[in-house]
Amino acid sequence: MKFINFKGVLIALTLLLTSTFSKDIVLVNQKILSDKVAERIELIGDELFEKSGIYVGIGVFDKLNGKNLKEAFSELDLKPPFAFLMLSKFEHKVEIFADNETLKLFNKEGILSPYPSSGSILPILTSKNGKDIYNAAMLNGYADLAEQIASSKRIKLENALGSSNKIFLEIIRFFVYGSIILVIVVMSVKKFRNKNAK
């Protein structure tokens, strides 16, 4: 008599059903996101979809070939509930599309804000530090979007980046403000020395 490993069968069945009903999170990646970043985004998105039923996808275009982001998005034909983060590298455009109900679950203006205190994408894209700003910006923005939706639904994401992206933005802000203060202090000291030298 053969012994059937029910635990193994249950795990295999769960994996089969999950892969059958899960959606691709990274719908478009025109060789901008690295495999490692795309895998991390897939992990976060799959977990959010599994726990909330809300699809949060991403599309990263090199060029839109004469289209705008809205036209490119409409070709994807997503069904609610969804949120979709898009970037066009050549056109320098970033946008988040969402259905009306999902739009209430996150702060779109905050995520897309150019200010380091609130934005999670544009401050990284505009910084000249780092060679791979697109991977960092899109992972950071996607994680922020997914975490805000999860928080609104009172869901805890095990694969979330957590505060690490906020810490990174705080470091950038520290260096920007520190540089400004340093320049002001140096200019003041020079002006004071020149005044006393006369």
N, C-alpha and C. Protein backbone atom coordinates (compact mmCIF):
# COMPACT_ATOMS: atom_id res chain seq x y z
N MET A 1 0.83 -1.18 0.00
CA MET A 1 0.00 0.00 0.00
C MET A 1 0.88 1.25 0.00
N LYS A 2 0.58 2.16 -0.90
CA LYS A 2 1.38 3.39 -1.00
C LYS A 2 0.83 4.45 -0.05
N PHE A 3 1.77 5.20 0.50
CA PHE A 3 1.41 6.29 1.40
C PHE A 3 1.39 7.59 0.60
N ILE A 4 0.29 8.31 0.65
CA ILE A 4 0.18 9.57 -0.08
C ILE A 4 0.54 10.70 0.88
N ASN A 5 1.46 11.52 0.44
CA ASN A 5 1.88 12.67 1.24
C ASN A 5 0.89 13.81 0.99
N PHE A 6 -0.11 13.92 1.87
CA PHE A 6 -1.15 14.93 1.68
C PHE A 6 -0.61 16.35 1.79
N LYS A 7 0.38 16.53 2.63
CA LYS A 7 0.97 17.87 2.77
C LYS A 7 1.63 18.29 1.45
N GLY A 8 2.34 17.40 0.82
CA GLY A 8 2.98 17.69 -0.47
C GLY A 8 1.97 17.95 -1.56
N VAL A 9 0.89 17.15 -1.57
CA VAL A 9 -0.17 17.33 -2.56
C VAL A 9 -0.84 18.69 -2.35
N LEU A 10 -1.09 19.05 -1.10
CA LEU A 10 -1.72 20.33 -0.78
C LEU A 10 -0.85 21.51 -1.23
N ILE A 11 0.45 21.42 -0.97
CA ILE A 11 1.37 22.49 -1.40
C ILE A 11 1.40 22.59 -2.91
N ALA A 12 1.49 21.46 -3.60
CA ALA A 12 1.52 21.46 -5.06
C ALA A 12 0.24 22.04 -5.63
N LEU A 13 -0.90 21.67 -5.05
CA LEU A 13 -2.18 22.19 -5.51
C LEU A 13 -2.28 23.70 -5.29
N THR A 14 -1.81 24.17 -4.14
CA THR A 14 -1.82 25.61 -3.85
C THR A 14 -0.96 26.37 -4.85
N LEU A 15 0.23 25.86 -5.12
CA LEU A 15 1.12 26.52 -6.09
C LEU A 15 0.50 26.53 -7.49
N LEU A 16 -0.13 25.44 -7.87
CA LEU A 16 -0.76 25.36 -9.18
C LEU A 16 -1.89 26.36 -9.31
N LEU A 17 -2.75 26.43 -8.29
CA LEU A 17 -3.87 27.38 -8.33
C LEU A 17 -3.40 28.82 -8.28
N THR A 18 -2.38 29.09 -7.47
CA THR A 18 -1.85 30.45 -7.38
C THR A 18 -1.28 30.89 -8.72
N SER A 19 -0.50 30.03 -9.35
CA SER A 19 0.10 30.40 -10.63
C SER A 19 -0.95 30.50 -11.73
N THR A 20 -2.03 29.71 -11.62
CA THR A 20 -3.08 29.75 -12.63
C THR A 20 -3.86 31.05 -12.56
N PHE A 21 -4.17 31.51 -11.34
CA PHE A 21 -5.03 32.68 -11.20
C PHE A 21 -4.28 33.98 -10.94
N SER A 22 -2.98 33.93 -10.80
CA SER A 22 -2.24 35.17 -10.54
C SER A 22 -2.02 35.93 -11.84
N LYS A 23 -1.84 37.22 -11.71
CA LYS A 23 -1.61 38.08 -12.87
C LYS A 23 -0.15 38.49 -12.90
N ASP A 24 0.33 38.78 -14.10
CA ASP A 24 1.67 39.35 -14.20
C ASP A 24 1.62 40.75 -13.62
N ILE A 25 2.56 41.06 -12.77
CA ILE A 25 2.60 42.38 -12.14
C ILE A 25 3.37 43.35 -13.04
N VAL A 26 4.52 42.92 -13.54
CA VAL A 26 5.30 43.74 -14.46
C VAL A 26 4.79 43.44 -15.87
N LEU A 27 3.85 44.25 -16.36
CA LEU A 27 3.25 44.00 -17.67
C LEU A 27 4.14 44.44 -18.81
N VAL A 28 4.85 45.54 -18.61
CA VAL A 28 5.75 46.05 -19.65
C VAL A 28 7.08 46.40 -19.01
N ASN A 29 8.15 45.85 -19.57
CA ASN A 29 9.50 46.19 -19.12
C ASN A 29 10.40 46.18 -20.34
N GLN A 30 10.64 47.35 -20.88
CA GLN A 30 11.46 47.45 -22.09
C GLN A 30 12.93 47.59 -21.72
N LYS A 31 13.44 46.56 -21.06
CA LYS A 31 14.85 46.44 -20.69
C LYS A 31 15.33 47.59 -19.80
N ILE A 32 14.46 48.05 -18.91
CA ILE A 32 14.84 49.12 -17.99
C ILE A 32 14.98 48.56 -16.57
N LEU A 33 14.01 47.79 -16.14
CA LEU A 33 14.09 47.18 -14.81
C LEU A 33 14.98 45.95 -14.86
N SER A 34 15.82 45.80 -13.86
CA SER A 34 16.65 44.60 -13.76
C SER A 34 15.77 43.42 -13.36
N ASP A 35 16.26 42.22 -13.60
CA ASP A 35 15.51 41.01 -13.24
C ASP A 35 15.25 40.96 -11.73
N LYS A 36 16.24 41.36 -10.96
CA LYS A 36 16.12 41.32 -9.50
C LYS A 36 15.02 42.27 -9.02
N VAL A 37 14.98 43.47 -9.57
CA VAL A 37 13.95 44.45 -9.18
C VAL A 37 12.58 43.98 -9.65
N ALA A 38 12.50 43.46 -10.87
CA ALA A 38 11.22 42.95 -11.39
C ALA A 38 10.69 41.81 -10.52
N GLU A 39 11.58 40.93 -10.07
CA GLU A 39 11.17 39.83 -9.19
C GLU A 39 10.64 40.35 -7.86
N ARG A 40 11.30 41.36 -7.32
CA ARG A 40 10.87 41.94 -6.04
C ARG A 40 9.50 42.60 -6.18
N ILE A 41 9.30 43.31 -7.29
CA ILE A 41 8.00 43.94 -7.56
C ILE A 41 6.92 42.87 -7.70
N GLU A 42 7.22 41.80 -8.43
CA GLU A 42 6.27 40.69 -8.60
C GLU A 42 5.89 40.10 -7.24
N LEU A 43 6.86 39.95 -6.37
CA LEU A 43 6.63 39.38 -5.05
C LEU A 43 5.67 40.24 -4.23
N ILE A 44 5.92 41.55 -4.22
CA ILE A 44 5.06 42.48 -3.49
C ILE A 44 3.66 42.50 -4.09
N GLY A 45 3.59 42.60 -5.42
CA GLY A 45 2.30 42.67 -6.11
C GLY A 45 1.47 41.41 -5.96
N ASP A 46 2.11 40.25 -6.06
CA ASP A 46 1.39 38.98 -5.89
C ASP A 46 0.81 38.86 -4.49
N GLU A 47 1.60 39.26 -3.49
CA GLU A 47 1.12 39.18 -2.11
C GLU A 47 -0.07 40.12 -1.90
N LEU A 48 0.03 41.34 -2.42
CA LEU A 48 -1.08 42.29 -2.27
C LEU A 48 -2.34 41.78 -2.97
N PHE A 49 -2.18 41.24 -4.17
CA PHE A 49 -3.33 40.72 -4.92
C PHE A 49 -3.96 39.54 -4.19
N GLU A 50 -3.13 38.67 -3.65
CA GLU A 50 -3.62 37.50 -2.92
C GLU A 50 -4.40 37.90 -1.67
N LYS A 51 -3.92 38.92 -0.97
CA LYS A 51 -4.55 39.31 0.30
C LYS A 51 -5.70 40.29 0.14
N SER A 52 -5.70 41.10 -0.94
CA SER A 52 -6.72 42.14 -1.08
C SER A 52 -7.60 42.00 -2.31
N GLY A 53 -7.12 41.27 -3.32
CA GLY A 53 -7.85 41.18 -4.58
C GLY A 53 -7.63 42.38 -5.48
N ILE A 54 -6.77 43.31 -5.06
CA ILE A 54 -6.48 44.50 -5.85
C ILE A 54 -5.20 44.26 -6.64
N TYR A 55 -5.29 44.46 -7.95
CA TYR A 55 -4.14 44.30 -8.83
C TYR A 55 -3.37 45.61 -8.88
N VAL A 56 -2.10 45.56 -8.55
CA VAL A 56 -1.23 46.72 -8.68
C VAL A 56 -0.11 46.32 -9.63
N GLY A 57 -0.13 46.90 -10.82
CA GLY A 57 0.83 46.54 -11.85
C GLY A 57 1.79 47.67 -12.15
N ILE A 58 2.72 47.38 -13.05
CA ILE A 58 3.73 48.36 -13.42
C ILE A 58 4.09 48.18 -14.90
N GLY A 59 4.31 49.29 -15.56
CA GLY A 59 4.76 49.28 -16.95
C GLY A 59 5.88 50.30 -17.10
N VAL A 60 7.02 49.84 -17.60
CA VAL A 60 8.18 50.71 -17.75
C VAL A 60 8.58 50.70 -19.22
N PHE A 61 8.35 51.83 -19.88
CA PHE A 61 8.60 51.95 -21.31
C PHE A 61 9.89 52.71 -21.55
N ASP A 62 10.62 52.30 -22.58
CA ASP A 62 11.76 53.08 -23.02
C ASP A 62 11.25 54.28 -23.82
N LYS A 63 10.38 54.00 -24.81
CA LYS A 63 9.74 55.04 -25.63
C LYS A 63 8.29 54.66 -25.84
N LEU A 64 7.46 55.68 -26.02
CA LEU A 64 6.04 55.44 -26.28
C LEU A 64 5.69 55.54 -27.75
N ASN A 65 6.64 55.88 -28.59
CA ASN A 65 6.45 55.95 -30.04
C ASN A 65 5.26 56.81 -30.45
N GLY A 66 5.25 58.04 -29.98
CA GLY A 66 4.22 59.00 -30.37
C GLY A 66 2.96 58.97 -29.52
N LYS A 67 2.82 58.00 -28.64
CA LYS A 67 1.64 57.93 -27.77
C LYS A 67 1.94 58.68 -26.48
N ASN A 68 0.89 58.98 -25.74
CA ASN A 68 1.10 59.47 -24.38
C ASN A 68 0.84 58.32 -23.41
N LEU A 69 1.11 58.54 -22.13
CA LEU A 69 0.94 57.47 -21.14
C LEU A 69 -0.50 56.97 -21.07
N LYS A 70 -1.45 57.87 -21.18
CA LYS A 70 -2.86 57.47 -21.09
C LYS A 70 -3.25 56.55 -22.24
N GLU A 71 -2.78 56.86 -23.45
CA GLU A 71 -3.07 56.00 -24.60
C GLU A 71 -2.42 54.63 -24.44
N ALA A 72 -1.18 54.62 -23.99
CA ALA A 72 -0.48 53.34 -23.77
C ALA A 72 -1.18 52.53 -22.68
N PHE A 73 -1.65 53.21 -21.64
CA PHE A 73 -2.34 52.51 -20.56
C PHE A 73 -3.66 51.92 -21.05
N SER A 74 -4.41 52.68 -21.85
CA SER A 74 -5.73 52.19 -22.30
C SER A 74 -5.62 50.92 -23.13
N GLU A 75 -4.48 50.70 -23.77
CA GLU A 75 -4.27 49.47 -24.54
C GLU A 75 -4.13 48.24 -23.65
N LEU A 76 -3.83 48.45 -22.37
CA LEU A 76 -3.65 47.32 -21.45
C LEU A 76 -4.99 46.72 -21.01
N ASP A 77 -6.07 47.49 -21.06
CA ASP A 77 -7.42 47.01 -20.79
C ASP A 77 -7.52 46.28 -19.45
N LEU A 78 -7.19 46.98 -18.37
CA LEU A 78 -7.26 46.39 -17.02
C LEU A 78 -8.67 46.51 -16.46
N LYS A 79 -9.04 45.53 -15.67
CA LYS A 79 -10.36 45.50 -15.03
C LYS A 79 -10.22 45.87 -13.55
N PRO A 80 -11.16 46.67 -13.01
CA PRO A 80 -11.10 47.05 -11.60
C PRO A 80 -11.20 45.83 -10.69
N PRO A 81 -10.68 45.90 -9.50
CA PRO A 81 -9.91 46.99 -8.90
C PRO A 81 -8.44 46.91 -9.31
N PHE A 82 -7.86 48.07 -9.64
CA PHE A 82 -6.47 48.10 -10.06
C PHE A 82 -5.83 49.45 -9.77
N ALA A 83 -4.52 49.43 -9.71
CA ALA A 83 -3.69 50.63 -9.75
C ALA A 83 -2.52 50.24 -10.64
N PHE A 84 -2.07 51.16 -11.47
CA PHE A 84 -1.00 50.83 -12.42
C PHE A 84 -0.01 51.98 -12.50
N LEU A 85 1.24 51.69 -12.18
CA LEU A 85 2.32 52.67 -12.20
C LEU A 85 3.03 52.58 -13.54
N MET A 86 3.17 53.72 -14.23
CA MET A 86 3.81 53.74 -15.55
C MET A 86 4.93 54.77 -15.60
N LEU A 87 5.97 54.43 -16.36
CA LEU A 87 7.09 55.34 -16.59
C LEU A 87 7.49 55.25 -18.05
N SER A 88 7.75 56.39 -18.66
CA SER A 88 8.35 56.44 -19.98
C SER A 88 9.69 57.15 -19.85
N LYS A 89 10.75 56.40 -20.07
CA LYS A 89 12.10 56.92 -19.87
C LYS A 89 12.42 58.05 -20.85
N PHE A 90 12.15 57.85 -22.12
CA PHE A 90 12.50 58.84 -23.14
C PHE A 90 11.69 60.12 -22.98
N GLU A 91 10.40 59.98 -22.71
CA GLU A 91 9.52 61.14 -22.57
C GLU A 91 9.58 61.78 -21.18
N HIS A 92 10.29 61.16 -20.25
CA HIS A 92 10.42 61.66 -18.88
C HIS A 92 9.05 61.86 -18.23
N LYS A 93 8.20 60.84 -18.30
CA LYS A 93 6.85 60.92 -17.74
C LYS A 93 6.63 59.76 -16.78
N VAL A 94 5.95 60.06 -15.68
CA VAL A 94 5.55 59.06 -14.70
C VAL A 94 4.09 59.32 -14.35
N GLU A 95 3.29 58.26 -14.23
CA GLU A 95 1.88 58.42 -13.90
C GLU A 95 1.37 57.18 -13.18
N ILE A 96 0.33 57.37 -12.39
CA ILE A 96 -0.36 56.25 -11.75
C ILE A 96 -1.81 56.31 -12.19
N PHE A 97 -2.29 55.20 -12.76
CA PHE A 97 -3.69 55.08 -13.16
C PHE A 97 -4.37 54.12 -12.20
N ALA A 98 -5.63 54.42 -11.87
CA ALA A 98 -6.38 53.55 -10.97
C ALA A 98 -7.87 53.75 -11.20
N ASP A 99 -8.65 52.72 -10.86
CA ASP A 99 -10.10 52.90 -10.90
C ASP A 99 -10.50 53.79 -9.72
N ASN A 100 -11.72 54.30 -9.76
CA ASN A 100 -12.17 55.29 -8.76
C ASN A 100 -12.10 54.78 -7.33
N GLU A 101 -12.46 53.54 -7.09
CA GLU A 101 -12.44 53.00 -5.72
C GLU A 101 -11.01 52.81 -5.21
N THR A 102 -10.14 52.28 -6.06
CA THR A 102 -8.74 52.06 -5.64
C THR A 102 -8.02 53.38 -5.44
N LEU A 103 -8.38 54.39 -6.23
CA LEU A 103 -7.76 55.71 -6.12
C LEU A 103 -7.95 56.31 -4.72
N LYS A 104 -8.99 55.91 -4.03
CA LYS A 104 -9.26 56.41 -2.67
C LYS A 104 -8.35 55.76 -1.63
N LEU A 105 -7.63 54.70 -2.01
CA LEU A 105 -6.84 53.94 -1.05
C LEU A 105 -5.39 54.40 -0.93
N PHE A 106 -4.96 55.34 -1.77
CA PHE A 106 -3.57 55.81 -1.71
C PHE A 106 -3.50 57.28 -2.08
N ASN A 107 -2.38 57.90 -1.75
CA ASN A 107 -2.15 59.32 -2.01
C ASN A 107 -1.33 59.46 -3.29
N LYS A 108 -2.02 59.59 -4.41
CA LYS A 108 -1.36 59.67 -5.71
C LYS A 108 -0.43 60.88 -5.79
N GLU A 109 -0.91 62.03 -5.35
CA GLU A 109 -0.10 63.25 -5.41
C GLU A 109 1.14 63.12 -4.54
N GLY A 110 1.00 62.46 -3.40
CA GLY A 110 2.14 62.27 -2.52
C GLY A 110 3.21 61.39 -3.14
N ILE A 111 2.80 60.28 -3.74
CA ILE A 111 3.76 59.36 -4.36
C ILE A 111 4.47 60.04 -5.53
N LEU A 112 3.73 60.83 -6.31
CA LEU A 112 4.31 61.49 -7.49
C LEU A 112 4.89 62.87 -7.18
N SER A 113 4.91 63.26 -5.93
CA SER A 113 5.43 64.57 -5.55
C SER A 113 6.92 64.69 -5.85
N PRO A 114 7.36 65.86 -6.32
CA PRO A 114 8.80 66.05 -6.57
C PRO A 114 9.59 66.34 -5.30
N TYR A 115 8.90 66.51 -4.18
CA TYR A 115 9.58 66.86 -2.93
C TYR A 115 10.01 65.60 -2.18
N PRO A 116 11.25 65.56 -1.70
CA PRO A 116 11.74 64.38 -0.99
C PRO A 116 10.95 64.03 0.26
N SER A 117 10.28 65.00 0.86
CA SER A 117 9.54 64.72 2.09
C SER A 117 8.31 63.86 1.85
N SER A 118 7.76 63.89 0.64
CA SER A 118 6.56 63.11 0.39
C SER A 118 6.67 62.20 -0.83
N GLY A 119 7.36 62.62 -1.86
CA GLY A 119 7.46 61.82 -3.09
C GLY A 119 8.37 60.63 -2.95
N SER A 120 8.04 59.57 -3.66
CA SER A 120 8.88 58.37 -3.59
C SER A 120 9.48 57.98 -4.93
N ILE A 121 9.14 58.70 -6.01
CA ILE A 121 9.68 58.38 -7.33
C ILE A 121 10.52 59.53 -7.88
N LEU A 122 9.90 60.70 -8.03
CA LEU A 122 10.57 61.83 -8.67
C LEU A 122 11.82 62.31 -7.95
N PRO A 123 11.87 62.34 -6.61
CA PRO A 123 13.13 62.76 -5.98
C PRO A 123 14.31 61.87 -6.36
N ILE A 124 14.06 60.59 -6.57
CA ILE A 124 15.15 59.68 -6.97
C ILE A 124 15.49 59.89 -8.44
N LEU A 125 14.46 60.06 -9.29
CA LEU A 125 14.72 60.25 -10.72
C LEU A 125 15.47 61.55 -11.00
N THR A 126 15.23 62.57 -10.18
CA THR A 126 15.89 63.85 -10.43
C THR A 126 17.27 63.94 -9.78
N SER A 127 17.58 62.99 -8.90
CA SER A 127 18.91 63.03 -8.29
C SER A 127 19.94 62.54 -9.28
N LYS A 128 21.09 63.10 -9.24
CA LYS A 128 22.17 62.71 -10.15
C LYS A 128 23.06 61.65 -9.51
N ASN A 129 22.73 61.25 -8.29
CA ASN A 129 23.52 60.24 -7.60
C ASN A 129 23.05 58.86 -8.00
N GLY A 130 23.97 57.99 -8.26
CA GLY A 130 23.62 56.62 -8.60
C GLY A 130 23.50 56.43 -10.09
N LYS A 131 23.93 55.27 -10.55
CA LYS A 131 23.90 55.01 -11.99
C LYS A 131 22.58 54.40 -12.43
N ASP A 132 21.83 53.82 -11.51
CA ASP A 132 20.62 53.11 -11.89
C ASP A 132 19.41 53.68 -11.16
N ILE A 133 19.08 54.92 -11.50
CA ILE A 133 18.00 55.60 -10.80
C ILE A 133 16.63 55.02 -11.15
N TYR A 134 16.47 54.44 -12.33
CA TYR A 134 15.16 53.93 -12.74
C TYR A 134 14.74 52.73 -11.90
N ASN A 135 15.66 51.80 -11.67
CA ASN A 135 15.34 50.65 -10.82
C ASN A 135 14.97 51.10 -9.41
N ALA A 136 15.78 51.99 -8.85
CA ALA A 136 15.53 52.47 -7.49
C ALA A 136 14.20 53.23 -7.40
N ALA A 137 13.96 54.12 -8.36
CA ALA A 137 12.75 54.94 -8.32
C ALA A 137 11.49 54.10 -8.50
N MET A 138 11.51 53.16 -9.43
CA MET A 138 10.31 52.37 -9.69
C MET A 138 10.03 51.37 -8.57
N LEU A 139 11.07 50.76 -8.03
CA LEU A 139 10.87 49.85 -6.89
C LEU A 139 10.34 50.63 -5.69
N ASN A 140 10.93 51.79 -5.44
CA ASN A 140 10.50 52.62 -4.32
C ASN A 140 9.06 53.09 -4.50
N GLY A 141 8.73 53.57 -5.69
CA GLY A 141 7.37 54.05 -5.95
C GLY A 141 6.35 52.93 -5.90
N TYR A 142 6.69 51.78 -6.48
CA TYR A 142 5.77 50.64 -6.48
C TYR A 142 5.53 50.16 -5.05
N ALA A 143 6.60 50.05 -4.28
CA ALA A 143 6.47 49.59 -2.89
C ALA A 143 5.61 50.57 -2.09
N ASP A 144 5.83 51.87 -2.29
CA ASP A 144 5.04 52.88 -1.58
C ASP A 144 3.56 52.75 -1.95
N LEU A 145 3.27 52.61 -3.24
CA LEU A 145 1.90 52.45 -3.71
C LEU A 145 1.25 51.21 -3.09
N ALA A 146 1.93 50.08 -3.17
CA ALA A 146 1.38 48.83 -2.63
C ALA A 146 1.19 48.90 -1.12
N GLU A 147 2.15 49.50 -0.42
CA GLU A 147 2.05 49.60 1.04
C GLU A 147 0.93 50.53 1.47
N GLN A 148 0.70 51.61 0.73
CA GLN A 148 -0.41 52.51 1.07
C GLN A 148 -1.75 51.81 0.87
N ILE A 149 -1.88 51.05 -0.22
CA ILE A 149 -3.13 50.31 -0.46
C ILE A 149 -3.32 49.26 0.63
N ALA A 150 -2.26 48.54 0.95
CA ALA A 150 -2.35 47.52 2.01
C ALA A 150 -2.73 48.15 3.35
N SER A 151 -2.14 49.28 3.66
CA SER A 151 -2.44 49.97 4.91
C SER A 151 -3.91 50.41 4.96
N SER A 152 -4.42 50.91 3.84
CA SER A 152 -5.83 51.32 3.77
C SER A 152 -6.77 50.14 3.98
N LYS A 153 -6.34 48.97 3.55
CA LYS A 153 -7.15 47.75 3.70
C LYS A 153 -6.83 47.01 5.01
N ARG A 154 -5.94 47.59 5.82
CA ARG A 154 -5.49 46.99 7.09
C ARG A 154 -4.87 45.61 6.87
N ILE A 155 -4.01 45.56 5.86
CA ILE A 155 -3.30 44.33 5.51
C ILE A 155 -1.82 44.55 5.77
N LYS A 156 -1.16 43.55 6.30
CA LYS A 156 0.28 43.64 6.50
C LYS A 156 0.96 42.83 5.40
N LEU A 157 1.83 43.48 4.65
CA LEU A 157 2.58 42.80 3.59
C LEU A 157 3.90 42.28 4.16
N GLU A 158 4.11 40.99 4.05
CA GLU A 158 5.34 40.38 4.55
C GLU A 158 6.54 40.76 3.68
N ASN A 159 6.30 41.01 2.39
CA ASN A 159 7.39 41.30 1.45
C ASN A 159 7.60 42.79 1.21
N ALA A 160 6.96 43.63 2.01
CA ALA A 160 7.06 45.08 1.82
C ALA A 160 8.48 45.57 2.12
N LEU A 161 8.83 46.68 1.48
CA LEU A 161 10.12 47.29 1.76
C LEU A 161 10.11 47.98 3.11
N GLY A 162 8.94 48.36 3.57
CA GLY A 162 8.83 49.01 4.88
C GLY A 162 9.42 50.39 4.88
N SER A 163 10.14 50.68 5.93
CA SER A 163 10.67 52.03 6.09
C SER A 163 12.01 52.21 5.38
N SER A 164 12.54 51.18 4.75
CA SER A 164 13.85 51.32 4.11
C SER A 164 13.82 52.36 3.00
N ASN A 165 12.69 52.44 2.25
CA ASN A 165 12.62 53.46 1.21
C ASN A 165 12.50 54.85 1.81
N LYS A 166 11.81 54.97 2.94
CA LYS A 166 11.71 56.27 3.61
C LYS A 166 13.07 56.70 4.17
N ILE A 167 13.83 55.75 4.68
CA ILE A 167 15.17 56.05 5.18
C ILE A 167 16.05 56.56 4.05
N PHE A 168 15.96 55.93 2.89
CA PHE A 168 16.74 56.36 1.73
C PHE A 168 16.40 57.80 1.35
N LEU A 169 15.10 58.12 1.34
CA LEU A 169 14.69 59.48 1.01
C LEU A 169 15.14 60.48 2.07
N GLU A 170 15.14 60.06 3.32
CA GLU A 170 15.63 60.94 4.39
C GLU A 170 17.12 61.22 4.22
N ILE A 171 17.88 60.24 3.79
CA ILE A 171 19.32 60.43 3.54
C ILE A 171 19.52 61.42 2.40
N ILE A 172 18.75 61.27 1.32
CA ILE A 172 18.84 62.22 0.20
C ILE A 172 18.50 63.63 0.68
N ARG A 173 17.42 63.75 1.46
CA ARG A 173 17.01 65.06 1.96
C ARG A 173 18.10 65.66 2.85
N PHE A 174 18.71 64.84 3.70
CA PHE A 174 19.77 65.30 4.58
C PHE A 174 20.92 65.89 3.77
N PHE A 175 21.34 65.19 2.71
CA PHE A 175 22.45 65.69 1.90
C PHE A 175 22.08 66.95 1.13
N VAL A 176 20.86 67.03 0.62
CA VAL A 176 20.43 68.23 -0.12
C VAL A 176 20.40 69.44 0.82
N TYR A 177 19.70 69.31 1.94
CA TYR A 177 19.61 70.42 2.88
C TYR A 177 20.96 70.74 3.51
N GLY A 178 21.73 69.71 3.80
CA GLY A 178 23.07 69.91 4.35
C GLY A 178 23.96 70.69 3.40
N SER A 179 23.87 70.37 2.10
CA SER A 179 24.66 71.09 1.10
C SER A 179 24.26 72.56 1.04
N ILE A 180 22.96 72.82 1.08
CA ILE A 180 22.47 74.20 1.04
C ILE A 180 22.97 74.98 2.26
N ILE A 181 22.86 74.38 3.43
CA ILE A 181 23.32 75.05 4.66
C ILE A 181 24.82 75.29 4.61
N LEU A 182 25.58 74.31 4.12
CA LEU A 182 27.03 74.45 4.02
C LEU A 182 27.40 75.61 3.10
N VAL A 183 26.73 75.73 1.97
CA VAL A 183 27.01 76.83 1.03
C VAL A 183 26.70 78.17 1.69
N ILE A 184 25.59 78.26 2.39
CA ILE A 184 25.22 79.52 3.06
C ILE A 184 26.24 79.88 4.13
N VAL A 185 26.67 78.90 4.92
CA VAL A 185 27.66 79.15 5.97
C VAL A 185 28.98 79.61 5.36
N VAL A 186 29.45 78.93 4.32
CA VAL A 186 30.72 79.30 3.68
C VAL A 186 30.63 80.71 3.10
N MET A 187 29.52 81.03 2.45
CA MET A 187 29.37 82.38 1.88
C MET A 187 29.33 83.43 2.99
N SER A 188 28.66 83.13 4.08
CA SER A 188 28.58 84.08 5.20
C SER A 188 29.95 84.31 5.83
N VAL A 189 30.72 83.24 6.02
CA VAL A 189 32.06 83.35 6.60
C VAL A 189 32.95 84.17 5.68
N LYS A 190 32.91 83.93 4.38
CA LYS A 190 33.73 84.70 3.44
C LYS A 190 33.35 86.18 3.47
N LYS A 191 32.05 86.45 3.49
CA LYS A 191 31.59 87.83 3.52
C LYS A 191 32.03 88.51 4.81
N PHE A 192 31.93 87.81 5.93
CA PHE A 192 32.34 88.35 7.22
C PHE A 192 33.84 88.62 7.23
N ARG A 193 34.65 87.72 6.70
CA ARG A 193 36.11 87.90 6.65
C ARG A 193 36.49 89.07 5.76
N ASN A 194 35.83 89.17 4.61
CA ASN A 194 36.13 90.28 3.70
C ASN A 194 35.75 91.62 4.33
N LYS A 195 34.69 91.66 5.09
CA LYS A 195 34.25 92.88 5.75
C LYS A 195 35.23 93.28 6.85
N ASN A 196 35.73 92.33 7.61
CA ASN A 196 36.67 92.60 8.69
C ASN A 196 38.08 92.87 8.18
N ALA A 197 38.40 92.41 6.99
CA ALA A 197 39.74 92.62 6.43
C ALA A 197 39.92 94.07 5.98
N LYS A 198 38.86 94.78 5.72
CA LYS A 198 38.95 96.16 5.25
C LYS A 198 39.12 97.06 6.37
